[in-house]
PDB file of N, CA and C in Angstrom:
ATOM      1  N   MET A   1       0.846  -1.178   0.000  1.00  0.00           N
ATOM      2  CA  MET A   1       0.000   0.000   0.000  1.00  0.00           C
ATOM      3  C   MET A   1       0.895   1.246   0.000  1.00  0.00           C
ATOM      4  N   PHE A   2       0.513   2.259  -0.778  1.00  0.00           N
ATOM      5  CA  PHE A   2       1.322   3.466  -0.917  1.00  0.00           C
ATOM      6  C   PHE A   2       1.482   4.194   0.406  1.00  0.00           C
ATOM      7  N   ASP A   3       0.444   4.197   1.261  1.00  0.00           N
ATOM      8  CA  ASP A   3       0.535   4.887   2.544  1.00  0.00           C
ATOM      9  C   ASP A   3       1.645   4.316   3.414  1.00  0.00           C
ATOM     10  N   GLN A   4       1.952   3.022   3.241  1.00  0.00           N
ATOM     11  CA  GLN A   4       2.951   2.377   4.077  1.00  0.00           C
ATOM     12  C   GLN A   4       4.334   2.393   3.427  1.00  0.00           C
ATOM     13  N   CYS A   5       4.421   2.958   2.250  1.00  0.00           N
ATOM     14  CA  CYS A   5       5.680   2.992   1.529  1.00  0.00           C
ATOM     15  C   CYS A   5       6.711   3.814   2.304  1.00  0.00           C
ATOM     16  N   LYS A   6       7.943   3.308   2.367  1.00  0.00           N
ATOM     17  CA  LYS A   6       9.010   4.012   3.094  1.00  0.00           C
ATOM     18  C   LYS A   6       9.304   5.375   2.491  1.00  0.00           C
ATOM     19  N   ARG A   7       9.085   5.497   1.191  1.00  0.00           N
ATOM     20  CA  ARG A   7       9.422   6.750   0.506  1.00  0.00           C
ATOM     21  C   ARG A   7       8.316   7.796   0.594  1.00  0.00           C
ATOM     22  N   LEU A   8       7.165   7.434   1.125  1.00  0.00           N
ATOM     23  CA  LEU A   8       6.030   8.355   1.157  1.00  0.00           C
ATOM     24  C   LEU A   8       6.347   9.637   1.910  1.00  0.00           C
ATOM     25  N   LYS A   9       6.938   9.517   3.079  1.00  0.00           N
ATOM     26  CA  LYS A   9       7.235  10.696   3.895  1.00  0.00           C
ATOM     27  C   LYS A   9       8.190  11.643   3.172  1.00  0.00           C
ATOM     28  N   SER A  10       9.214  11.092   2.542  1.00  0.00           N
ATOM     29  CA  SER A  10      10.164  11.949   1.828  1.00  0.00           C
ATOM     30  C   SER A  10       9.529  12.543   0.570  1.00  0.00           C
ATOM     31  N   TRP A  11       8.608  11.799  -0.077  1.00  0.00           N
ATOM     32  CA  TRP A  11       7.942  12.330  -1.265  1.00  0.00           C
ATOM     33  C   TRP A  11       7.028  13.495  -0.876  1.00  0.00           C
ATOM     34  N   ARG A  12       6.272  13.337   0.215  1.00  0.00           N
ATOM     35  CA  ARG A  12       5.425  14.441   0.698  1.00  0.00           C
ATOM     36  C   ARG A  12       6.277  15.661   1.033  1.00  0.00           C
ATOM     37  N   ALA A  13       7.415  15.437   1.657  1.00  0.00           N
ATOM     38  CA  ALA A  13       8.313  16.542   2.001  1.00  0.00           C
ATOM     39  C   ALA A  13       8.839  17.218   0.744  1.00  0.00           C
ATOM     40  N   ALA A  14       9.146  16.437  -0.284  1.00  0.00           N
ATOM     41  CA  ALA A  14       9.613  17.008  -1.548  1.00  0.00           C
ATOM     42  C   ALA A  14       8.512  17.837  -2.212  1.00  0.00           C
ATOM     43  N   VAL A  15       7.271  17.369  -2.142  1.00  0.00           N
ATOM     44  CA  VAL A  15       6.136  18.132  -2.677  1.00  0.00           C
ATOM     45  C   VAL A  15       6.024  19.459  -1.942  1.00  0.00           C
ATOM     46  N   ALA A  16       6.076  19.410  -0.617  1.00  0.00           N
ATOM     47  CA  ALA A  16       5.970  20.632   0.184  1.00  0.00           C
ATOM     48  C   ALA A  16       7.112  21.591  -0.129  1.00  0.00           C
ATOM     49  N   TYR A  17       8.313  21.072  -0.291  1.00  0.00           N
ATOM     50  CA  TYR A  17       9.471  21.915  -0.590  1.00  0.00           C
ATOM     51  C   TYR A  17       9.303  22.605  -1.941  1.00  0.00           C
ATOM     52  N   GLU A  18       8.975  21.844  -2.977  1.00  0.00           N
ATOM     53  CA  GLU A  18       8.819  22.418  -4.321  1.00  0.00           C
ATOM     54  C   GLU A  18       7.642  23.385  -4.377  1.00  0.00           C
ATOM     55  N   ALA A  19       6.562  23.059  -3.689  1.00  0.00           N
ATOM     56  CA  ALA A  19       5.412  23.958  -3.651  1.00  0.00           C
ATOM     57  C   ALA A  19       5.784  25.271  -2.961  1.00  0.00           C
ATOM     58  N   GLY A  20       6.563  25.170  -1.885  1.00  0.00           N
ATOM     59  CA  GLY A  20       7.009  26.363  -1.173  1.00  0.00           C
ATOM     60  C   GLY A  20       7.909  27.244  -2.020  1.00  0.00           C
ATOM     61  N   ARG A  21       8.683  26.638  -2.903  1.00  0.00           N
ATOM     62  CA  ARG A  21       9.533  27.410  -3.814  1.00  0.00           C
ATOM     63  C   ARG A  21       8.705  28.165  -4.846  1.00  0.00           C
ATOM     64  N   ALA A  22       7.575  27.588  -5.244  1.00  0.00           N
ATOM     65  CA  ALA A  22       6.751  28.193  -6.294  1.00  0.00           C
ATOM     66  C   ALA A  22       5.681  29.130  -5.737  1.00  0.00           C
ATOM     67  N   TRP A  23       5.311  28.953  -4.484  1.00  0.00           N
ATOM     68  CA  TRP A  23       4.211  29.710  -3.884  1.00  0.00           C
ATOM     69  C   TRP A  23       4.764  30.870  -3.076  1.00  0.00           C
ATOM     70  N   VAL A  24       4.157  32.037  -3.244  1.00  0.00           N
ATOM     71  CA  VAL A  24       4.570  33.219  -2.484  1.00  0.00           C
ATOM     72  C   VAL A  24       3.430  33.587  -1.543  1.00  0.00           C
ATOM     73  N   GLY A  25       3.723  33.745  -0.291  1.00  0.00           N
ATOM     74  CA  GLY A  25       2.721  34.167   0.674  1.00  0.00           C
ATOM     75  C   GLY A  25       2.201  33.013   1.507  1.00  0.00           C
ATOM     76  N   PRO A  26       1.238  33.337   2.382  1.00  0.00           N
ATOM     77  CA  PRO A  26       0.672  32.301   3.252  1.00  0.00           C
ATOM     78  C   PRO A  26      -0.235  31.359   2.453  1.00  0.00           C
ATOM     79  N   PRO A  27      -0.561  30.210   3.009  1.00  0.00           N
ATOM     80  CA  PRO A  27      -1.474  29.292   2.327  1.00  0.00           C
ATOM     81  C   PRO A  27      -2.821  29.958   2.057  1.00  0.00           C
ATOM     82  N   ALA A  28      -3.370  29.724   0.876  1.00  0.00           N
ATOM     83  CA  ALA A  28      -4.657  30.310   0.491  1.00  0.00           C
ATOM     84  C   ALA A  28      -5.788  29.615   1.249  1.00  0.00           C
ATOM     85  N   ALA A  29      -6.840  30.366   1.511  1.00  0.00           N
ATOM     86  CA  ALA A  29      -7.987  29.833   2.242  1.00  0.00           C
ATOM     87  C   ALA A  29      -9.247  29.876   1.386  1.00  0.00           C
ATOM     88  N   VAL A  30      -9.092  29.689   0.073  1.00  0.00           N
ATOM     89  CA  VAL A  30     -10.237  29.708  -0.843  1.00  0.00           C
ATOM     90  C   VAL A  30     -10.301  28.387  -1.604  1.00  0.00           C
ATOM     91  N   ALA A  31     -11.434  28.157  -2.245  1.00  0.00           N
ATOM     92  CA  ALA A  31     -11.616  26.944  -3.039  1.00  0.00           C
ATOM     93  C   ALA A  31     -10.586  26.876  -4.166  1.00  0.00           C
ATOM     94  N   CYS A  32     -10.153  25.661  -4.504  1.00  0.00           N
ATOM     95  CA  CYS A  32      -9.175  25.514  -5.579  1.00  0.00           C
ATOM     96  C   CYS A  32      -9.447  24.266  -6.410  1.00  0.00           C
ATOM     97  N   THR A  33      -8.894  24.267  -7.605  1.00  0.00           N
ATOM     98  CA  THR A  33      -8.925  23.101  -8.471  1.00  0.00           C
ATOM     99  C   THR A  33      -7.482  22.659  -8.701  1.00  0.00           C
ATOM    100  N   ILE A  34      -7.292  21.371  -8.846  1.00  0.00           N
ATOM    101  CA  ILE A  34      -5.955  20.826  -9.030  1.00  0.00           C
ATOM    102  C   ILE A  34      -5.953  19.856 -10.204  1.00  0.00           C
ATOM    103  N   SER A  35      -4.959  20.018 -11.064  1.00  0.00           N
ATOM    104  CA  SER A  35      -4.692  19.055 -12.130  1.00  0.00           C
ATOM    105  C   SER A  35      -3.321  18.459 -11.847  1.00  0.00           C
ATOM    106  N   ALA A  36      -3.232  17.144 -11.882  1.00  0.00           N
ATOM    107  CA  ALA A  36      -1.965  16.468 -11.585  1.00  0.00           C
ATOM    108  C   ALA A  36      -1.685  15.393 -12.623  1.00  0.00           C
ATOM    109  N   GLU A  37      -0.435  15.329 -13.026  1.00  0.00           N
ATOM    110  CA  GLU A  37       0.013  14.288 -13.950  1.00  0.00           C
ATOM    111  C   GLU A  37       1.198  13.592 -13.297  1.00  0.00           C
ATOM    112  N   PHE A  38       1.062  12.299 -13.067  1.00  0.00           N
ATOM    113  CA  PHE A  38       2.110  11.491 -12.455  1.00  0.00           C
ATOM    114  C   PHE A  38       2.766  10.666 -13.558  1.00  0.00           C
ATOM    115  N   VAL A  39       4.054  10.890 -13.771  1.00  0.00           N
ATOM    116  CA  VAL A  39       4.781  10.219 -14.846  1.00  0.00           C
ATOM    117  C   VAL A  39       5.761   9.221 -14.228  1.00  0.00           C
ATOM    118  N   PHE A  40       5.723   7.984 -14.717  1.00  0.00           N
ATOM    119  CA  PHE A  40       6.589   6.930 -14.209  1.00  0.00           C
ATOM    120  C   PHE A  40       7.519   6.436 -15.307  1.00  0.00           C
ATOM    121  N   GLU A  41       8.766   6.233 -14.950  1.00  0.00           N
ATOM    122  CA  GLU A  41       9.720   5.637 -15.880  1.00  0.00           C
ATOM    123  C   GLU A  41       9.439   4.135 -15.958  1.00  0.00           C
ATOM    124  N   ARG A  42       9.456   3.600 -17.156  1.00  0.00           N
ATOM    125  CA  ARG A  42       9.215   2.170 -17.333  1.00  0.00           C
ATOM    126  C   ARG A  42      10.363   1.364 -16.715  1.00  0.00           C
ATOM    127  N   PRO A  43      10.028   0.224 -16.085  1.00  0.00           N
ATOM    128  CA  PRO A  43      11.082  -0.643 -15.567  1.00  0.00           C
ATOM    129  C   PRO A  43      11.872  -1.277 -16.723  1.00  0.00           C
ATOM    130  N   LYS A  44      13.083  -1.682 -16.448  1.00  0.00           N
ATOM    131  CA  LYS A  44      13.925  -2.308 -17.476  1.00  0.00           C
ATOM    132  C   LYS A  44      13.281  -3.570 -18.043  1.00  0.00           C
ATOM    133  N   SER A  45      12.476  -4.248 -17.228  1.00  0.00           N
ATOM    134  CA  SER A  45      11.831  -5.486 -17.676  1.00  0.00           C
ATOM    135  C   SER A  45      10.830  -5.257 -18.810  1.00  0.00           C
ATOM    136  N   HIS A  46      10.430  -4.012 -19.042  1.00  0.00           N
ATOM    137  CA  HIS A  46       9.493  -3.699 -20.130  1.00  0.00           C
ATOM    138  C   HIS A  46      10.185  -3.611 -21.487  1.00  0.00           C
ATOM    139  N   TRP A  47      11.521  -3.594 -21.486  1.00  0.00           N
ATOM    140  CA  TRP A  47      12.268  -3.336 -22.719  1.00  0.00           C
ATOM    141  C   TRP A  47      13.017  -4.565 -23.218  1.00  0.00           C
ATOM    142  N   ARG A  48      13.096  -4.688 -24.542  1.00  0.00           N
ATOM    143  CA  ARG A  48      13.966  -5.677 -25.180  1.00  0.00           C
ATOM    144  C   ARG A  48      15.350  -5.055 -25.315  1.00  0.00           C
ATOM    145  N   LYS A  49      16.341  -5.879 -25.616  1.00  0.00           N
ATOM    146  CA  LYS A  49      17.704  -5.374 -25.820  1.00  0.00           C
ATOM    147  C   LYS A  49      17.763  -4.408 -26.992  1.00  0.00           C
ATOM    148  N   ALA A  50      16.860  -4.591 -27.963  1.00  0.00           N
ATOM    149  CA  ALA A  50      16.840  -3.722 -29.155  1.00  0.00           C
ATOM    150  C   ALA A  50      16.236  -2.350 -28.856  1.00  0.00           C
ATOM    151  N   GLY A  51      15.739  -2.153 -27.624  1.00  0.00           N
ATOM    152  CA  GLY A  51      15.170  -0.852 -27.260  1.00  0.00           C
ATOM    153  C   GLY A  51      13.693  -0.714 -27.567  1.00  0.00           C
ATOM    154  N   THR A  52      13.017  -1.814 -27.893  1.00  0.00           N
ATOM    155  CA  THR A  52      11.580  -1.777 -28.133  1.00  0.00           C
ATOM    156  C   THR A  52      10.868  -2.424 -26.951  1.00  0.00           C
ATOM    157  N   LEU A  53       9.596  -2.089 -26.795  1.00  0.00           N
ATOM    158  CA  LEU A  53       8.826  -2.649 -25.690  1.00  0.00           C
ATOM    159  C   LEU A  53       8.516  -4.121 -25.936  1.00  0.00           C
ATOM    160  N   THR A  54       8.509  -4.890 -24.866  1.00  0.00           N
ATOM    161  CA  THR A  54       8.107  -6.291 -24.980  1.00  0.00           C
ATOM    162  C   THR A  54       6.606  -6.363 -25.197  1.00  0.00           C
ATOM    163  N   ASN A  55       6.128  -7.514 -25.655  1.00  0.00           N
ATOM    164  CA  ASN A  55       4.687  -7.697 -25.885  1.00  0.00           C
ATOM    165  C   ASN A  55       3.895  -7.664 -24.585  1.00  0.00           C
ATOM    166  N   LYS A  56       4.543  -7.998 -23.484  1.00  0.00           N
ATOM    167  CA  LYS A  56       3.855  -8.043 -22.188  1.00  0.00           C
ATOM    168  C   LYS A  56       3.897  -6.717 -21.432  1.00  0.00           C
ATOM    169  N   ALA A  57       4.603  -5.742 -21.958  1.00  0.00           N
ATOM    170  CA  ALA A  57       4.696  -4.443 -21.268  1.00  0.00           C
ATOM    171  C   ALA A  57       3.326  -3.763 -21.264  1.00  0.00           C
ATOM    172  N   PRO A  58       2.823  -3.375 -20.088  1.00  0.00           N
ATOM    173  CA  PRO A  58       1.514  -2.713 -20.035  1.00  0.00           C
ATOM    174  C   PRO A  58       1.564  -1.316 -20.654  1.00  0.00           C
ATOM    175  N   LEU A  59       0.418  -0.886 -21.168  1.00  0.00           N
ATOM    176  CA  LEU A  59       0.334   0.456 -21.753  1.00  0.00           C
ATOM    177  C   LEU A  59       0.361   1.539 -20.684  1.00  0.00           C
ATOM    178  N   HIS A  60      -0.224   1.240 -19.521  1.00  0.00           N
ATOM    179  CA  HIS A  60      -0.365   2.236 -18.451  1.00  0.00           C
ATOM    180  C   HIS A  60       0.209   1.697 -17.144  1.00  0.00           C
ATOM    181  N   PRO A  61       0.700   2.578 -16.291  1.00  0.00           N
ATOM    182  CA  PRO A  61       1.230   2.137 -14.992  1.00  0.00           C
ATOM    183  C   PRO A  61       0.126   1.551 -14.119  1.00  0.00           C
ATOM    184  N   GLY A  62       0.482   0.589 -13.300  1.00  0.00           N
ATOM    185  CA  GLY A  62      -0.459   0.010 -12.337  1.00  0.00           C
ATOM    186  C   GLY A  62      -0.315   0.704 -11.000  1.00  0.00           C
ATOM    187  N   LYS A  63       0.393   0.057 -10.091  1.00  0.00           N
ATOM    188  CA  LYS A  63       0.576   0.630  -8.751  1.00  0.00           C
ATOM    189  C   LYS A  63       1.637   1.713  -8.777  1.00  0.00           C
ATOM    190  N   PRO A  64       1.556   2.694  -7.914  1.00  0.00           N
ATOM    191  CA  PRO A  64       0.558   2.878  -6.860  1.00  0.00           C
ATOM    192  C   PRO A  64      -0.770   3.374  -7.411  1.00  0.00           C
ATOM    193  N   ASP A  65      -1.808   3.135  -6.632  1.00  0.00           N
ATOM    194  CA  ASP A  65      -3.155   3.573  -7.008  1.00  0.00           C
ATOM    195  C   ASP A  65      -3.199   5.090  -7.127  1.00  0.00           C
ATOM    196  N   ILE A  66      -3.970   5.568  -8.092  1.00  0.00           N
ATOM    197  CA  ILE A  66      -4.029   7.014  -8.332  1.00  0.00           C
ATOM    198  C   ILE A  66      -4.636   7.766  -7.150  1.00  0.00           C
ATOM    199  N   ASP A  67      -5.574   7.152  -6.430  1.00  0.00           N
ATOM    200  CA  ASP A  67      -6.153   7.842  -5.278  1.00  0.00           C
ATOM    201  C   ASP A  67      -5.116   8.035  -4.171  1.00  0.00           C
ATOM    202  N   LYS A  68      -4.209   7.081  -4.034  1.00  0.00           N
ATOM    203  CA  LYS A  68      -3.161   7.229  -3.012  1.00  0.00           C
ATOM    204  C   LYS A  68      -2.115   8.257  -3.440  1.00  0.00           C
ATOM    205  N   LEU A  69      -1.835   8.319  -4.740  1.00  0.00           N
ATOM    206  CA  LEU A  69      -0.940   9.359  -5.236  1.00  0.00           C
ATOM    207  C   LEU A  69      -1.528  10.739  -4.958  1.00  0.00           C
ATOM    208  N   CYS A  70      -2.820  10.892  -5.246  1.00  0.00           N
ATOM    209  CA  CYS A  70      -3.487  12.184  -5.023  1.00  0.00           C
ATOM    210  C   CYS A  70      -3.524  12.545  -3.547  1.00  0.00           C
ATOM    211  N   ARG A  71      -3.787  11.573  -2.697  1.00  0.00           N
ATOM    212  CA  ARG A  71      -3.820  11.840  -1.258  1.00  0.00           C
ATOM    213  C   ARG A  71      -2.455  12.327  -0.772  1.00  0.00           C
ATOM    214  N   ALA A  72      -1.395  11.673  -1.229  1.00  0.00           N
ATOM    215  CA  ALA A  72      -0.043  12.084  -0.825  1.00  0.00           C
ATOM    216  C   ALA A  72       0.286  13.476  -1.367  1.00  0.00           C
ATOM    217  N   LEU A  73      -0.131  13.753  -2.596  1.00  0.00           N
ATOM    218  CA  LEU A  73       0.095  15.082  -3.186  1.00  0.00           C
ATOM    219  C   LEU A  73      -0.619  16.152  -2.366  1.00  0.00           C
ATOM    220  N   LEU A  74      -1.902  15.942  -2.070  1.00  0.00           N
ATOM    221  CA  LEU A  74      -2.669  16.936  -1.306  1.00  0.00           C
ATOM    222  C   LEU A  74      -2.102  17.115   0.092  1.00  0.00           C
ATOM    223  N   ASP A  75      -1.640  16.032   0.704  1.00  0.00           N
ATOM    224  CA  ASP A  75      -1.005  16.146   2.024  1.00  0.00           C
ATOM    225  C   ASP A  75       0.238  17.029   1.958  1.00  0.00           C
ATOM    226  N   GLY A  76       1.013  16.893   0.880  1.00  0.00           N
ATOM    227  CA  GLY A  76       2.220  17.710   0.730  1.00  0.00           C
ATOM    228  C   GLY A  76       1.921  19.172   0.463  1.00  0.00           C
ATOM    229  N   LEU A  77       0.777  19.452  -0.179  1.00  0.00           N
ATOM    230  CA  LEU A  77       0.402  20.832  -0.496  1.00  0.00           C
ATOM    231  C   LEU A  77      -0.278  21.543   0.674  1.00  0.00           C
ATOM    232  N   THR A  78      -0.889  20.757   1.571  1.00  0.00           N
ATOM    233  CA  THR A  78      -1.613  21.330   2.709  1.00  0.00           C
ATOM    234  C   THR A  78      -0.650  22.057   3.648  1.00  0.00           C
ATOM    235  N   GLY A  79      -1.023  23.267   3.994  1.00  0.00           N
ATOM    236  CA  GLY A  79      -0.199  24.084   4.877  1.00  0.00           C
ATOM    237  C   GLY A  79       0.863  24.880   4.144  1.00  0.00           C
ATOM    238  N   VAL A  80       0.998  24.628   2.836  1.00  0.00           N
ATOM    239  CA  VAL A  80       1.979  25.356   2.032  1.00  0.00           C
ATOM    240  C   VAL A  80       1.270  26.269   1.041  1.00  0.00           C
ATOM    241  N   VAL A  81       0.411  25.694   0.204  1.00  0.00           N
ATOM    242  CA  VAL A  81      -0.302  26.507  -0.798  1.00  0.00           C
ATOM    243  C   VAL A  81      -1.786  26.617  -0.499  1.00  0.00           C
ATOM    244  N   MET A  82      -2.283  25.759   0.374  1.00  0.00           N
ATOM    245  CA  MET A  82      -3.680  25.835   0.806  1.00  0.00           C
ATOM    246  C   MET A  82      -3.747  25.473   2.281  1.00  0.00           C
ATOM    247  N   VAL A  83      -4.733  26.037   2.945  1.00  0.00           N
ATOM    248  CA  VAL A  83      -4.877  25.801   4.385  1.00  0.00           C
ATOM    249  C   VAL A  83      -5.211  24.338   4.651  1.00  0.00           C
ATOM    250  N   ASP A  84      -6.156  23.780   3.882  1.00  0.00           N
ATOM    251  CA  ASP A  84      -6.601  22.409   4.103  1.00  0.00           C
ATOM    252  C   ASP A  84      -7.026  21.800   2.777  1.00  0.00           C
ATOM    253  N   ASP A  85      -6.833  20.503   2.611  1.00  0.00           N
ATOM    254  CA  ASP A  85      -7.199  19.879   1.339  1.00  0.00           C
ATOM    255  C   ASP A  85      -8.710  19.777   1.124  1.00  0.00           C
ATOM    256  N   SER A  86      -9.501  20.122   2.123  1.00  0.00           N
ATOM    257  CA  SER A  86     -10.958  20.173   1.931  1.00  0.00           C
ATOM    258  C   SER A  86     -11.355  21.328   1.007  1.00  0.00           C
ATOM    259  N   GLN A  87     -10.422  22.241   0.732  1.00  0.00           N
ATOM    260  CA  GLN A  87     -10.679  23.366  -0.180  1.00  0.00           C
ATOM    261  C   GLN A  87     -10.706  22.926  -1.638  1.00  0.00           C
ATOM    262  N   VAL A  88     -10.191  21.739  -1.931  1.00  0.00           N
ATOM    263  CA  VAL A  88     -10.163  21.252  -3.310  1.00  0.00           C
ATOM    264  C   VAL A  88     -11.584  20.887  -3.724  1.00  0.00           C
ATOM    265  N   VAL A  89     -12.085  21.584  -4.747  1.00  0.00           N
ATOM    266  CA  VAL A  89     -13.450  21.346  -5.221  1.00  0.00           C
ATOM    267  C   VAL A  89     -13.470  20.584  -6.539  1.00  0.00           C
ATOM    268  N   TRP A  90     -12.317  20.473  -7.176  1.00  0.00           N
ATOM    269  CA  TRP A  90     -12.206  19.727  -8.431  1.00  0.00           C
ATOM    270  C   TRP A  90     -10.795  19.190  -8.527  1.00  0.00           C
ATOM    271  N   LEU A  91     -10.683  17.894  -8.855  1.00  0.00           N
ATOM    272  CA  LEU A  91      -9.378  17.243  -8.949  1.00  0.00           C
ATOM    273  C   LEU A  91      -9.344  16.413 -10.222  1.00  0.00           C
ATOM    274  N   ASN A  92      -8.368  16.698 -11.073  1.00  0.00           N
ATOM    275  CA  ASN A  92      -8.168  15.947 -12.301  1.00  0.00           C
ATOM    276  C   ASN A  92      -6.776  15.341 -12.226  1.00  0.00           C
ATOM    277  N   ALA A  93      -6.684  14.023 -12.316  1.00  0.00           N
ATOM    278  CA  ALA A  93      -5.375  13.371 -12.195  1.00  0.00           C
ATOM    279  C   ALA A  93      -5.273  12.199 -13.155  1.00  0.00           C
ATOM    280  N   HIS A  94      -4.079  12.007 -13.668  1.00  0.00           N
ATOM    281  CA  HIS A  94      -3.812  10.817 -14.465  1.00  0.00           C
ATOM    282  C   HIS A  94      -2.354  10.416 -14.300  1.00  0.00           C
ATOM    283  N   LYS A  95      -2.069   9.173 -14.654  1.00  0.00           N
ATOM    284  CA  LYS A  95      -0.701   8.672 -14.581  1.00  0.00           C
ATOM    285  C   LYS A  95      -0.363   8.022 -15.920  1.00  0.00           C
ATOM    286  N   ARG A  96       0.928   8.094 -16.260  1.00  0.00           N
ATOM    287  CA  ARG A  96       1.383   7.550 -17.537  1.00  0.00           C
ATOM    288  C   ARG A  96       2.858   7.201 -17.437  1.00  0.00           C
ATOM    289  N   TYR A  97       3.324   6.508 -18.452  1.00  0.00           N
ATOM    290  CA  TYR A  97       4.755   6.233 -18.551  1.00  0.00           C
ATOM    291  C   TYR A  97       5.423   7.349 -19.331  1.00  0.00           C
ATOM    292  N   GLY A  98       6.670   7.646 -18.971  1.00  0.00           N
ATOM    293  CA  GLY A  98       7.463   8.647 -19.663  1.00  0.00           C
ATOM    294  C   GLY A  98       8.930   8.273 -19.595  1.00  0.00           C
ATOM    295  N   SER A  99       9.784   9.144 -20.094  1.00  0.00           N
ATOM    296  CA  SER A  99      11.212   8.841 -20.129  1.00  0.00           C
ATOM    297  C   SER A  99      11.866   8.919 -18.748  1.00  0.00           C
ATOM    298  N   GLN A 100      11.228   9.638 -17.824  1.00  0.00           N
ATOM    299  CA  GLN A 100      11.724   9.712 -16.445  1.00  0.00           C
ATOM    300  C   GLN A 100      10.560   9.961 -15.511  1.00  0.00           C
ATOM    301  N   SER A 101      10.739   9.641 -14.234  1.00  0.00           N
ATOM    302  CA  SER A 101       9.679   9.845 -13.250  1.00  0.00           C
ATOM    303  C   SER A 101       9.628  11.310 -12.852  1.00  0.00           C
ATOM    304  N   GLU A 102       8.433  11.892 -12.910  1.00  0.00           N
ATOM    305  CA  GLU A 102       8.227  13.284 -12.503  1.00  0.00           C
ATOM    306  C   GLU A 102       6.742  13.527 -12.283  1.00  0.00           C
ATOM    307  N   THR A 103       6.429  14.615 -11.605  1.00  0.00           N
ATOM    308  CA  THR A 103       5.037  14.967 -11.333  1.00  0.00           C
ATOM    309  C   THR A 103       4.818  16.415 -11.717  1.00  0.00           C
ATOM    310  N   PHE A 104       3.705  16.665 -12.414  1.00  0.00           N
ATOM    311  CA  PHE A 104       3.345  18.017 -12.813  1.00  0.00           C
ATOM    312  C   PHE A 104       2.024  18.363 -12.119  1.00  0.00           C
ATOM    313  N   VAL A 105       1.951  19.557 -11.538  1.00  0.00           N
ATOM    314  CA  VAL A 105       0.749  19.974 -10.819  1.00  0.00           C
ATOM    315  C   VAL A 105       0.402  21.402 -11.203  1.00  0.00           C
ATOM    316  N   THR A 106      -0.883  21.628 -11.481  1.00  0.00           N
ATOM    317  CA  THR A 106      -1.393  22.970 -11.709  1.00  0.00           C
ATOM    318  C   THR A 106      -2.502  23.218 -10.704  1.00  0.00           C
ATOM    319  N   ILE A 107      -2.447  24.367 -10.037  1.00  0.00           N
ATOM    320  CA  ILE A 107      -3.457  24.719  -9.039  1.00  0.00           C
ATOM    321  C   ILE A 107      -4.087  26.045  -9.451  1.00  0.00           C
ATOM    322  N   SER A 108      -5.413  26.081  -9.460  1.00  0.00           N
ATOM    323  CA  SER A 108      -6.140  27.315  -9.762  1.00  0.00           C
ATOM    324  C   SER A 108      -7.032  27.639  -8.574  1.00  0.00           C
ATOM    325  N   TYR A 109      -7.094  28.931  -8.247  1.00  0.00           N
ATOM    326  CA  TYR A 109      -7.908  29.358  -7.119  1.00  0.00           C
ATOM    327  C   TYR A 109      -9.115  30.141  -7.593  1.00  0.00           C
ATOM    328  N   ALA A 110     -10.219  29.965  -6.886  1.00  0.00           N
ATOM    329  CA  ALA A 110     -11.455  30.670  -7.203  1.00  0.00           C
ATOM    330  C   ALA A 110     -11.297  32.153  -6.863  1.00  0.00           C
ATOM    331  N   ALA A 111     -11.913  32.967  -7.686  1.00  0.00           N
ATOM    332  CA  ALA A 111     -11.911  34.409  -7.393  1.00  0.00           C
ATOM    333  C   ALA A 111     -12.771  34.669  -6.178  1.00  0.00           C
ATOM    334  N   ARG A 112     -12.392  35.642  -5.414  1.00  0.00           N
ATOM    335  CA  ARG A 112     -13.165  35.957  -4.206  1.00  0.00           C
ATOM    336  C   ARG A 112     -14.425  36.698  -4.548  1.00  0.00           C
TER     337      ARG A 112
END
């Protein structure tokens, strides 16, 4: 389970650190929407020596579950860019394979 993963605490801390670098000011206390893209590097077992994918290589990443990824992301953002994750009124997230592992997040806040 992703919640029990040893790397979860450090990943949340990395989210908070990067969010703090991009965010200026105190955490917002208004409704927000979040779009997140989780990119995973394919394991070596997915590749042939010729550099092509094997027939058994899945098209999309499996674990960790997307809901657990989102929960960890929101936990890392809470207290940095938003007061509480209950402010999120819309969440769009997907995961895919890419050339390297990375996460992209866009946050929009409602006008007052």
